[in-house]
């Protein structure tokens, strides 16, 4: 077997400065900065810009995209009801209404 094939996998603290949130996990990431964790041990700390605590999707603060105008724009562009005979009702395809 080959020696030293796998990277160094060790405990690391990831800290989200925007949310003031930090969590301890295992990773191959390394850092020169260290932090003393709740258990009294000192671990390397990696600062991240976005985590699940600050990302809008996970926090429920995501902006809703305006979808009302998209449907109208699609129908205008590609024609939902056109008089050219391309789009249309069930009557033009031979369907019966009753």
PDB file of N, CA and C in Angstrom:
ATOM      1  N   UNK A   1       0.834  -1.195   0.000  1.00  0.00           N
ATOM      2  CA  UNK A   1       0.000   0.000   0.000  1.00  0.00           C
ATOM      3  C   UNK A   1       0.872   1.249   0.000  1.00  0.00           C
ATOM      4  N   UNK A   2       0.355   2.300  -0.584  1.00  0.00           N
ATOM      5  CA  UNK A   2       1.112   3.540  -0.654  1.00  0.00           C
ATOM      6  C   UNK A   2       0.922   4.340   0.630  1.00  0.00           C
ATOM      7  N   UNK A   3       2.003   4.900   1.123  1.00  0.00           N
ATOM      8  CA  UNK A   3       1.930   5.726   2.320  1.00  0.00           C
ATOM      9  C   UNK A   3       1.688   7.173   1.930  1.00  0.00           C
ATOM     10  N   UNK A   4       1.051   7.908   2.810  1.00  0.00           N
ATOM     11  CA  UNK A   4       0.801   9.347   2.630  1.00  0.00           C
ATOM     12  C   UNK A   4       0.024   9.659   1.357  1.00  0.00           C
ATOM     13  N   UNK A   5      -0.894   8.781   1.005  1.00  0.00           N
ATOM     14  CA  UNK A   5      -1.685   9.006  -0.198  1.00  0.00           C
ATOM     15  C   UNK A   5      -2.843   9.966   0.065  1.00  0.00           C
ATOM     16  N   UNK A   6      -3.411   9.910   1.262  1.00  0.00           N
ATOM     17  CA  UNK A   6      -4.567  10.729   1.582  1.00  0.00           C
ATOM     18  C   UNK A   6      -4.136  12.054   2.203  1.00  0.00           C
ATOM     19  N   UNK A   7      -4.888  13.114   1.935  1.00  0.00           N
ATOM     20  CA  UNK A   7      -4.546  14.416   2.531  1.00  0.00           C
ATOM     21  C   UNK A   7      -4.846  14.419   4.033  1.00  0.00           C
ATOM     22  N   UNK A   8      -4.278  15.384   4.728  1.00  0.00           N
ATOM     23  CA  UNK A   8      -4.467  15.528   6.166  1.00  0.00           C
ATOM     24  C   UNK A   8      -5.914  15.936   6.437  1.00  0.00           C
ATOM     25  N   UNK A   9      -6.626  15.108   7.161  1.00  0.00           N
ATOM     26  CA  UNK A   9      -8.047  15.315   7.460  1.00  0.00           C
ATOM     27  C   UNK A   9      -8.149  15.539   8.962  1.00  0.00           C
ATOM     28  N   UNK A  10      -8.510  16.757   9.357  1.00  0.00           N
ATOM     29  CA  UNK A  10      -8.451  17.128  10.761  1.00  0.00           C
ATOM     30  C   UNK A  10      -9.627  18.023  11.140  1.00  0.00           C
ATOM     31  N   UNK A  11      -9.881  18.222  12.445  1.00  0.00           N
ATOM     32  CA  UNK A  11     -10.962  19.124  12.868  1.00  0.00           C
ATOM     33  C   UNK A  11     -10.640  20.570  12.502  1.00  0.00           C
ATOM     34  N   UNK A  12     -11.651  21.265  11.964  1.00  0.00           N
ATOM     35  CA  UNK A  12     -11.512  22.664  11.556  1.00  0.00           C
ATOM     36  C   UNK A  12     -12.798  23.396  11.939  1.00  0.00           C
ATOM     37  N   UNK A  13     -12.655  24.646  12.362  1.00  0.00           N
ATOM     38  CA  UNK A  13     -13.810  25.483  12.644  1.00  0.00           C
ATOM     39  C   UNK A  13     -14.058  26.367  11.433  1.00  0.00           C
ATOM     40  N   UNK A  14     -15.268  26.342  10.899  1.00  0.00           N
ATOM     41  CA  UNK A  14     -15.674  27.254   9.836  1.00  0.00           C
ATOM     42  C   UNK A  14     -16.518  28.346  10.481  1.00  0.00           C
ATOM     43  N   UNK A  15     -16.165  29.596  10.200  1.00  0.00           N
ATOM     44  CA  UNK A  15     -16.833  30.727  10.837  1.00  0.00           C
ATOM     45  C   UNK A  15     -17.433  31.643   9.780  1.00  0.00           C
ATOM     46  N   UNK A  16     -18.731  31.914   9.936  1.00  0.00           N
ATOM     47  CA  UNK A  16     -19.445  32.851   9.067  1.00  0.00           C
ATOM     48  C   UNK A  16     -19.505  34.179   9.803  1.00  0.00           C
ATOM     49  N   UNK A  17     -18.703  35.114   9.369  1.00  0.00           N
ATOM     50  CA  UNK A  17     -18.633  36.405  10.067  1.00  0.00           C
ATOM     51  C   UNK A  17     -19.905  37.228   9.893  1.00  0.00           C
ATOM     52  N   UNK A  18     -20.601  37.075   8.779  1.00  0.00           N
ATOM     53  CA  UNK A  18     -21.809  37.863   8.545  1.00  0.00           C
ATOM     54  C   UNK A  18     -22.917  37.488   9.536  1.00  0.00           C
ATOM     55  N   UNK A  19     -23.007  36.204   9.879  1.00  0.00           N
ATOM     56  CA  UNK A  19     -24.074  35.751  10.769  1.00  0.00           C
ATOM     57  C   UNK A  19     -23.592  35.543  12.200  1.00  0.00           C
ATOM     58  N   UNK A  20     -22.277  35.613  12.411  1.00  0.00           N
ATOM     59  CA  UNK A  20     -21.751  35.356  13.735  1.00  0.00           C
ATOM     60  C   UNK A  20     -21.923  33.899  14.132  1.00  0.00           C
ATOM     61  N   UNK A  21     -21.787  33.011  13.181  1.00  0.00           N
ATOM     62  CA  UNK A  21     -22.033  31.585  13.382  1.00  0.00           C
ATOM     63  C   UNK A  21     -20.761  30.811  13.074  1.00  0.00           C
ATOM     64  N   UNK A  22     -20.450  29.829  13.898  1.00  0.00           N
ATOM     65  CA  UNK A  22     -19.283  28.988  13.663  1.00  0.00           C
ATOM     66  C   UNK A  22     -19.653  27.547  13.967  1.00  0.00           C
ATOM     67  N   UNK A  23     -19.042  26.624  13.240  1.00  0.00           N
ATOM     68  CA  UNK A  23     -19.285  25.210  13.498  1.00  0.00           C
ATOM     69  C   UNK A  23     -17.995  24.422  13.317  1.00  0.00           C
ATOM     70  N   UNK A  24     -17.872  23.378  14.111  1.00  0.00           N
ATOM     71  CA  UNK A  24     -16.698  22.515  14.102  1.00  0.00           C
ATOM     72  C   UNK A  24     -17.008  21.283  13.274  1.00  0.00           C
ATOM     73  N   UNK A  25     -16.129  20.984  12.332  1.00  0.00           N
ATOM     74  CA  UNK A  25     -16.285  19.810  11.487  1.00  0.00           C
ATOM     75  C   UNK A  25     -14.903  19.305  11.114  1.00  0.00           C
ATOM     76  N   UNK A  26     -14.839  18.257  10.335  1.00  0.00           N
ATOM     77  CA  UNK A  26     -13.549  17.743   9.868  1.00  0.00           C
ATOM     78  C   UNK A  26     -13.385  18.121   8.402  1.00  0.00           C
ATOM     79  N   UNK A  27     -12.164  18.512   8.054  1.00  0.00           N
ATOM     80  CA  UNK A  27     -11.907  18.982   6.696  1.00  0.00           C
ATOM     81  C   UNK A  27     -10.431  18.862   6.383  1.00  0.00           C
ATOM     82  N   UNK A  28     -10.120  19.004   5.099  1.00  0.00           N
ATOM     83  CA  UNK A  28      -8.727  19.063   4.674  1.00  0.00           C
ATOM     84  C   UNK A  28      -8.252  20.503   4.564  1.00  0.00           C
ATOM     85  N   UNK A  29      -9.143  21.463   4.769  1.00  0.00           N
ATOM     86  CA  UNK A  29      -8.774  22.878   4.705  1.00  0.00           C
ATOM     87  C   UNK A  29      -7.855  23.214   5.871  1.00  0.00           C
ATOM     88  N   UNK A  30      -6.944  24.147   5.626  1.00  0.00           N
ATOM     89  CA  UNK A  30      -6.031  24.556   6.684  1.00  0.00           C
ATOM     90  C   UNK A  30      -5.992  26.076   6.747  1.00  0.00           C
ATOM     91  N   UNK A  31      -5.553  26.573   7.886  1.00  0.00           N
ATOM     92  CA  UNK A  31      -5.488  28.010   8.082  1.00  0.00           C
ATOM     93  C   UNK A  31      -4.431  28.318   9.130  1.00  0.00           C
ATOM     94  N   UNK A  32      -3.836  29.492   9.014  1.00  0.00           N
ATOM     95  CA  UNK A  32      -2.854  29.923  10.008  1.00  0.00           C
ATOM     96  C   UNK A  32      -3.546  30.481  11.247  1.00  0.00           C
ATOM     97  N   UNK A  33      -4.797  30.929  11.085  1.00  0.00           N
ATOM     98  CA  UNK A  33      -5.551  31.457  12.218  1.00  0.00           C
ATOM     99  C   UNK A  33      -6.094  30.303  13.053  1.00  0.00           C
ATOM    100  N   UNK A  34      -6.147  30.511  14.367  1.00  0.00           N
ATOM    101  CA  UNK A  34      -6.715  29.501  15.253  1.00  0.00           C
ATOM    102  C   UNK A  34      -7.749  30.141  16.161  1.00  0.00           C
ATOM    103  N   UNK A  35      -8.599  29.293  16.738  1.00  0.00           N
ATOM    104  CA  UNK A  35      -9.631  29.755  17.649  1.00  0.00           C
ATOM    105  C   UNK A  35      -9.778  28.718  18.758  1.00  0.00           C
ATOM    106  N   UNK A  36     -10.052  29.189  19.958  1.00  0.00           N
ATOM    107  CA  UNK A  36     -10.325  28.267  21.049  1.00  0.00           C
ATOM    108  C   UNK A  36     -11.808  27.945  21.036  1.00  0.00           C
ATOM    109  N   UNK A  37     -12.129  26.660  20.924  1.00  0.00           N
ATOM    110  CA  UNK A  37     -13.513  26.216  20.802  1.00  0.00           C
ATOM    111  C   UNK A  37     -14.107  25.994  22.179  1.00  0.00           C
ATOM    112  N   UNK A  38     -15.397  25.691  22.230  1.00  0.00           N
ATOM    113  CA  UNK A  38     -16.125  25.514  23.481  1.00  0.00           C
ATOM    114  C   UNK A  38     -15.569  24.394  24.353  1.00  0.00           C
ATOM    115  N   UNK A  39     -14.921  23.416  23.735  1.00  0.00           N
ATOM    116  CA  UNK A  39     -14.385  22.290  24.498  1.00  0.00           C
ATOM    117  C   UNK A  39     -13.000  22.575  25.081  1.00  0.00           C
ATOM    118  N   UNK A  40     -12.488  23.798  24.866  1.00  0.00           N
ATOM    119  CA  UNK A  40     -11.184  24.184  25.399  1.00  0.00           C
ATOM    120  C   UNK A  40     -10.023  23.898  24.470  1.00  0.00           C
ATOM    121  N   UNK A  41     -10.256  23.176  23.389  1.00  0.00           N
ATOM    122  CA  UNK A  41      -9.212  22.873  22.416  1.00  0.00           C
ATOM    123  C   UNK A  41      -9.046  24.028  21.429  1.00  0.00           C
ATOM    124  N   UNK A  42      -7.878  24.113  20.831  1.00  0.00           N
ATOM    125  CA  UNK A  42      -7.595  25.135  19.824  1.00  0.00           C
ATOM    126  C   UNK A  42      -7.605  24.477  18.456  1.00  0.00           C
ATOM    127  N   UNK A  43      -8.382  25.062  17.526  1.00  0.00           N
ATOM    128  CA  UNK A  43      -8.523  24.514  16.180  1.00  0.00           C
ATOM    129  C   UNK A  43      -8.225  25.602  15.158  1.00  0.00           C
ATOM    130  N   UNK A  44      -7.787  25.206  13.959  1.00  0.00           N
ATOM    131  CA  UNK A  44      -7.668  26.194  12.882  1.00  0.00           C
ATOM    132  C   UNK A  44      -9.048  26.699  12.498  1.00  0.00           C
ATOM    133  N   UNK A  45      -9.142  27.983  12.131  1.00  0.00           N
ATOM    134  CA  UNK A  45     -10.430  28.569  11.763  1.00  0.00           C
ATOM    135  C   UNK A  45     -10.363  29.082  10.331  1.00  0.00           C
ATOM    136  N   UNK A  46     -11.404  28.770   9.562  1.00  0.00           N
ATOM    137  CA  UNK A  46     -11.515  29.227   8.176  1.00  0.00           C
ATOM    138  C   UNK A  46     -12.737  30.136   8.112  1.00  0.00           C
ATOM    139  N   UNK A  47     -12.535  31.382   7.690  1.00  0.00           N
ATOM    140  CA  UNK A  47     -13.640  32.333   7.563  1.00  0.00           C
ATOM    141  C   UNK A  47     -14.302  32.153   6.203  1.00  0.00           C
ATOM    142  N   UNK A  48     -15.628  32.049   6.224  1.00  0.00           N
ATOM    143  CA  UNK A  48     -16.398  31.899   4.988  1.00  0.00           C
ATOM    144  C   UNK A  48     -17.339  33.092   4.851  1.00  0.00           C
ATOM    145  N   UNK A  49     -17.682  33.431   3.615  1.00  0.00           N
ATOM    146  CA  UNK A  49     -18.561  34.574   3.370  1.00  0.00           C
ATOM    147  C   UNK A  49     -20.024  34.213   3.575  1.00  0.00           C
ATOM    148  N   UNK A  50     -20.403  33.003   3.171  1.00  0.00           N
ATOM    149  CA  UNK A  50     -21.806  32.596   3.246  1.00  0.00           C
ATOM    150  C   UNK A  50     -21.873  31.178   3.795  1.00  0.00           C
ATOM    151  N   UNK A  51     -22.786  30.973   4.727  1.00  0.00           N
ATOM    152  CA  UNK A  51     -23.068  29.634   5.232  1.00  0.00           C
ATOM    153  C   UNK A  51     -24.586  29.460   5.265  1.00  0.00           C
ATOM    154  N   UNK A  52     -25.047  28.357   5.784  1.00  0.00           N
ATOM    155  CA  UNK A  52     -26.492  28.127   5.841  1.00  0.00           C
ATOM    156  C   UNK A  52     -27.178  29.110   6.782  1.00  0.00           C
ATOM    157  N   UNK A  53     -26.438  29.729   7.689  1.00  0.00           N
ATOM    158  CA  UNK A  53     -27.020  30.697   8.613  1.00  0.00           C
ATOM    159  C   UNK A  53     -27.231  32.071   7.972  1.00  0.00           C
ATOM    160  N   UNK A  54     -26.486  32.375   6.904  1.00  0.00           N
ATOM    161  CA  UNK A  54     -26.615  33.696   6.293  1.00  0.00           C
ATOM    162  C   UNK A  54     -27.130  33.660   4.862  1.00  0.00           C
ATOM    163  N   UNK A  55     -27.227  32.486   4.252  1.00  0.00           N
ATOM    164  CA  UNK A  55     -27.698  32.402   2.872  1.00  0.00           C
ATOM    165  C   UNK A  55     -29.211  32.624   2.824  1.00  0.00           C
ATOM    166  N   UNK A  56     -29.692  33.500   1.942  1.00  0.00           N
ATOM    167  CA  UNK A  56     -31.121  33.816   1.884  1.00  0.00           C
ATOM    168  C   UNK A  56     -32.021  32.608   1.630  1.00  0.00           C
ATOM    169  N   UNK A  57     -31.554  31.641   0.880  1.00  0.00           N
ATOM    170  CA  UNK A  57     -32.389  30.479   0.588  1.00  0.00           C
ATOM    171  C   UNK A  57     -32.685  29.686   1.862  1.00  0.00           C
ATOM    172  N   UNK A  58     -31.688  29.506   2.697  1.00  0.00           N
ATOM    173  CA  UNK A  58     -31.851  28.695   3.906  1.00  0.00           C
ATOM    174  C   UNK A  58     -32.473  29.480   5.052  1.00  0.00           C
ATOM    175  N   UNK A  59     -32.349  30.783   5.054  1.00  0.00           N
ATOM    176  CA  UNK A  59     -32.912  31.585   6.139  1.00  0.00           C
ATOM    177  C   UNK A  59     -34.361  31.969   5.880  1.00  0.00           C
ATOM    178  N   UNK A  60     -34.852  31.770   4.656  1.00  0.00           N
ATOM    179  CA  UNK A  60     -36.227  32.118   4.330  1.00  0.00           C
ATOM    180  C   UNK A  60     -36.395  33.582   3.963  1.00  0.00           C
ATOM    181  N   UNK A  61     -35.316  34.280   3.780  1.00  0.00           N
ATOM    182  CA  UNK A  61     -35.377  35.701   3.433  1.00  0.00           C
ATOM    183  C   UNK A  61     -35.062  35.936   1.959  1.00  0.00           C
ATOM    184  N   UNK A  62     -35.281  34.922   1.163  1.00  0.00           N
ATOM    185  CA  UNK A  62     -34.991  35.032  -0.259  1.00  0.00           C
ATOM    186  C   UNK A  62     -35.993  35.958  -0.934  1.00  0.00           C
ATOM    187  N   UNK A  63     -35.521  36.694  -1.923  1.00  0.00           N
ATOM    188  CA  UNK A  63     -36.420  37.542  -2.697  1.00  0.00           C
ATOM    189  C   UNK A  63     -37.250  36.673  -3.609  1.00  0.00           C
ATOM    190  N   UNK A  64     -38.491  37.027  -3.774  1.00  0.00           N
ATOM    191  CA  UNK A  64     -39.321  36.309  -4.730  1.00  0.00           C
ATOM    192  C   UNK A  64     -39.194  36.992  -6.081  1.00  0.00           C
ATOM    193  N   UNK A  65     -39.042  36.199  -7.091  1.00  0.00           N
ATOM    194  CA  UNK A  65     -38.876  36.725  -8.439  1.00  0.00           C
ATOM    195  C   UNK A  65     -40.251  37.038  -9.004  1.00  0.00           C
ATOM    196  N   UNK A  66     -40.359  38.136  -9.738  1.00  0.00           N
ATOM    197  CA  UNK A  66     -41.626  38.533 -10.333  1.00  0.00           C
ATOM    198  C   UNK A  66     -41.978  37.558 -11.440  1.00  0.00           C
ATOM    199  N   UNK A  67     -42.912  36.657 -11.166  1.00  0.00           N
ATOM    200  CA  UNK A  67     -43.303  35.669 -12.164  1.00  0.00           C
ATOM    201  C   UNK A  67     -44.576  36.075 -12.888  1.00  0.00           C
ATOM    202  N   UNK A  68     -45.291  37.051 -12.380  1.00  0.00           N
ATOM    203  CA  UNK A  68     -46.540  37.474 -13.009  1.00  0.00           C
ATOM    204  C   UNK A  68     -46.285  38.024 -14.405  1.00  0.00           C
ATOM    205  N   UNK A  69     -45.274  38.829 -14.556  1.00  0.00           N
ATOM    206  CA  UNK A  69     -44.970  39.421 -15.857  1.00  0.00           C
ATOM    207  C   UNK A  69     -44.353  38.435 -16.825  1.00  0.00           C
ATOM    208  N   UNK A  70     -43.755  37.369 -16.342  1.00  0.00           N
ATOM    209  CA  UNK A  70     -43.103  36.405 -17.215  1.00  0.00           C
ATOM    210  C   UNK A  70     -44.104  35.645 -18.067  1.00  0.00           C
ATOM    211  N   UNK A  71     -45.223  35.252 -17.485  1.00  0.00           N
ATOM    212  CA  UNK A  71     -46.235  34.520 -18.240  1.00  0.00           C
ATOM    213  C   UNK A  71     -46.839  35.410 -19.320  1.00  0.00           C
ATOM    214  N   UNK A  72     -47.163  36.649 -18.961  1.00  0.00           N
ATOM    215  CA  UNK A  72     -47.734  37.575 -19.938  1.00  0.00           C
ATOM    216  C   UNK A  72     -46.733  37.857 -21.061  1.00  0.00           C
ATOM    217  N   UNK A  73     -45.481  38.003 -20.710  1.00  0.00           N
ATOM    218  CA  UNK A  73     -44.451  38.256 -21.715  1.00  0.00           C
ATOM    219  C   UNK A  73     -44.302  37.054 -22.637  1.00  0.00           C
ATOM    220  N   UNK A  74     -44.363  35.845 -22.097  1.00  0.00           N
ATOM    221  CA  UNK A  74     -44.275  34.636 -22.913  1.00  0.00           C
ATOM    222  C   UNK A  74     -45.454  34.549 -23.884  1.00  0.00           C
ATOM    223  N   UNK A  75     -46.662  34.831 -23.396  1.00  0.00           N
ATOM    224  CA  UNK A  75     -47.835  34.754 -24.257  1.00  0.00           C
ATOM    225  C   UNK A  75     -47.799  35.830 -25.332  1.00  0.00           C
ATOM    226  N   UNK A  76     -47.295  37.008 -24.990  1.00  0.00           N
ATOM    227  CA  UNK A  76     -47.164  38.067 -25.992  1.00  0.00           C
ATOM    228  C   UNK A  76     -46.131  37.681 -27.047  1.00  0.00           C
ATOM    229  N   UNK A  77     -45.031  37.118 -26.598  1.00  0.00           N
ATOM    230  CA  UNK A  77     -43.940  36.811 -27.512  1.00  0.00           C
ATOM    231  C   UNK A  77     -44.261  35.625 -28.410  1.00  0.00           C
ATOM    232  N   UNK A  78     -44.818  34.568 -27.831  1.00  0.00           N
ATOM    233  CA  UNK A  78     -45.051  33.354 -28.594  1.00  0.00           C
ATOM    234  C   UNK A  78     -46.512  33.113 -28.913  1.00  0.00           C
ATOM    235  N   UNK A  79     -47.363  33.994 -28.491  1.00  0.00           N
ATOM    236  CA  UNK A  79     -48.769  33.966 -28.870  1.00  0.00           C
ATOM    237  C   UNK A  79     -49.571  32.830 -28.277  1.00  0.00           C
ATOM    238  N   UNK A  80     -50.310  33.114 -27.250  1.00  0.00           N
ATOM    239  CA  UNK A  80     -51.208  32.118 -26.679  1.00  0.00           C
ATOM    240  C   UNK A  80     -52.490  32.058 -27.484  1.00  0.00           C
ATOM    241  N   UNK A  81     -53.040  33.204 -27.855  1.00  0.00           N
ATOM    242  CA  UNK A  81     -54.275  33.306 -28.625  1.00  0.00           C
ATOM    243  C   UNK A  81     -53.966  34.111 -29.877  1.00  0.00           C
ATOM    244  N   UNK A  82     -53.758  33.445 -30.987  1.00  0.00           N
ATOM    245  CA  UNK A  82     -53.476  34.188 -32.207  1.00  0.00           C
ATOM    246  C   UNK A  82     -54.534  33.876 -33.255  1.00  0.00           C
ATOM    247  N   UNK A  83     -54.761  34.806 -34.150  1.00  0.00           N
ATOM    248  CA  UNK A  83     -55.756  34.609 -35.190  1.00  0.00           C
ATOM    249  C   UNK A  83     -55.135  33.986 -36.437  1.00  0.00           C
ATOM    250  N   UNK A  84     -53.858  33.650 -36.392  1.00  0.00           N
ATOM    251  CA  UNK A  84     -53.187  33.087 -37.552  1.00  0.00           C
ATOM    252  C   UNK A  84     -53.453  31.597 -37.702  1.00  0.00           C
ATOM    253  N   UNK A  85     -54.088  30.987 -36.715  1.00  0.00           N
ATOM    254  CA  UNK A  85     -54.424  29.585 -36.834  1.00  0.00           C
ATOM    255  C   UNK A  85     -53.382  28.653 -36.255  1.00  0.00           C
ATOM    256  N   UNK A  86     -52.307  29.154 -35.704  1.00  0.00           N
ATOM    257  CA  UNK A  86     -51.265  28.289 -35.182  1.00  0.00           C
ATOM    258  C   UNK A  86     -51.498  27.873 -33.756  1.00  0.00           C
ATOM    259  N   UNK A  87     -52.084  28.703 -32.988  1.00  0.00           N
ATOM    260  CA  UNK A  87     -52.181  28.420 -31.592  1.00  0.00           C
ATOM    261  C   UNK A  87     -53.549  28.031 -31.216  1.00  0.00           C
ATOM    262  N   UNK A  88     -54.121  27.795 -30.304  1.00  0.00           N
ATOM    263  CA  UNK A  88     -55.504  27.855 -30.421  1.00  0.00           C
ATOM    264  C   UNK A  88     -56.363  27.002 -29.577  1.00  0.00           C
ATOM    265  N   UNK A  89     -57.593  26.987 -29.986  1.00  0.00           N
ATOM    266  CA  UNK A  89     -58.623  26.340 -29.191  1.00  0.00           C
ATOM    267  C   UNK A  89     -58.827  24.911 -29.663  1.00  0.00           C
ATOM    268  N   UNK A  90     -59.632  24.181 -28.922  1.00  0.00           N
ATOM    269  CA  UNK A  90     -59.905  22.790 -29.271  1.00  0.00           C
ATOM    270  C   UNK A  90     -60.809  22.701 -30.492  1.00  0.00           C
ATOM    271  N   UNK A  91     -61.545  23.770 -30.803  1.00  0.00           N
ATOM    272  CA  UNK A  91     -62.440  23.760 -31.969  1.00  0.00           C
ATOM    273  C   UNK A  91     -61.648  23.676 -33.269  1.00  0.00           C
ATOM    274  N   UNK A  92     -60.482  24.317 -33.323  1.00  0.00           N
ATOM    275  CA  UNK A  92     -59.712  24.306 -34.558  1.00  0.00           C
ATOM    276  C   UNK A  92     -59.032  22.950 -34.773  1.00  0.00           C
ATOM    277  N   UNK A  93     -58.972  22.124 -33.720  1.00  0.00           N
ATOM    278  CA  UNK A  93     -58.384  20.801 -33.850  1.00  0.00           C
ATOM    279  C   UNK A  93     -59.441  19.728 -34.028  1.00  0.00           C
ATOM    280  N   UNK A  94     -60.653  20.108 -34.145  1.00  0.00           N
ATOM    281  CA  UNK A  94     -61.708  19.139 -34.359  1.00  0.00           C
ATOM    282  C   UNK A  94     -62.352  18.650 -33.086  1.00  0.00           C
ATOM    283  N   UNK A  95     -62.138  19.289 -32.007  1.00  0.00           N
ATOM    284  CA  UNK A  95     -62.752  18.870 -30.750  1.00  0.00           C
ATOM    285  C   UNK A  95     -64.186  19.354 -30.679  1.00  0.00           C
ATOM    286  N   UNK A  96     -64.987  18.685 -29.928  1.00  0.00           N
ATOM    287  CA  UNK A  96     -66.373  19.101 -29.795  1.00  0.00           C
ATOM    288  C   UNK A  96     -66.587  19.622 -28.391  1.00  0.00           C
ATOM    289  N   UNK A  97     -67.444  20.594 -28.287  1.00  0.00           N
ATOM    290  CA  UNK A  97     -67.706  21.204 -26.993  1.00  0.00           C
ATOM    291  C   UNK A  97     -69.012  20.705 -26.393  1.00  0.00           C
ATOM    292  N   UNK A  98     -69.665  19.747 -26.948  1.00  0.00           N
ATOM    293  CA  UNK A  98     -70.890  19.358 -26.297  1.00  0.00           C
ATOM    294  C   UNK A  98     -71.703  18.396 -26.997  1.00  0.00           C
TER     295      UNK A  98
END
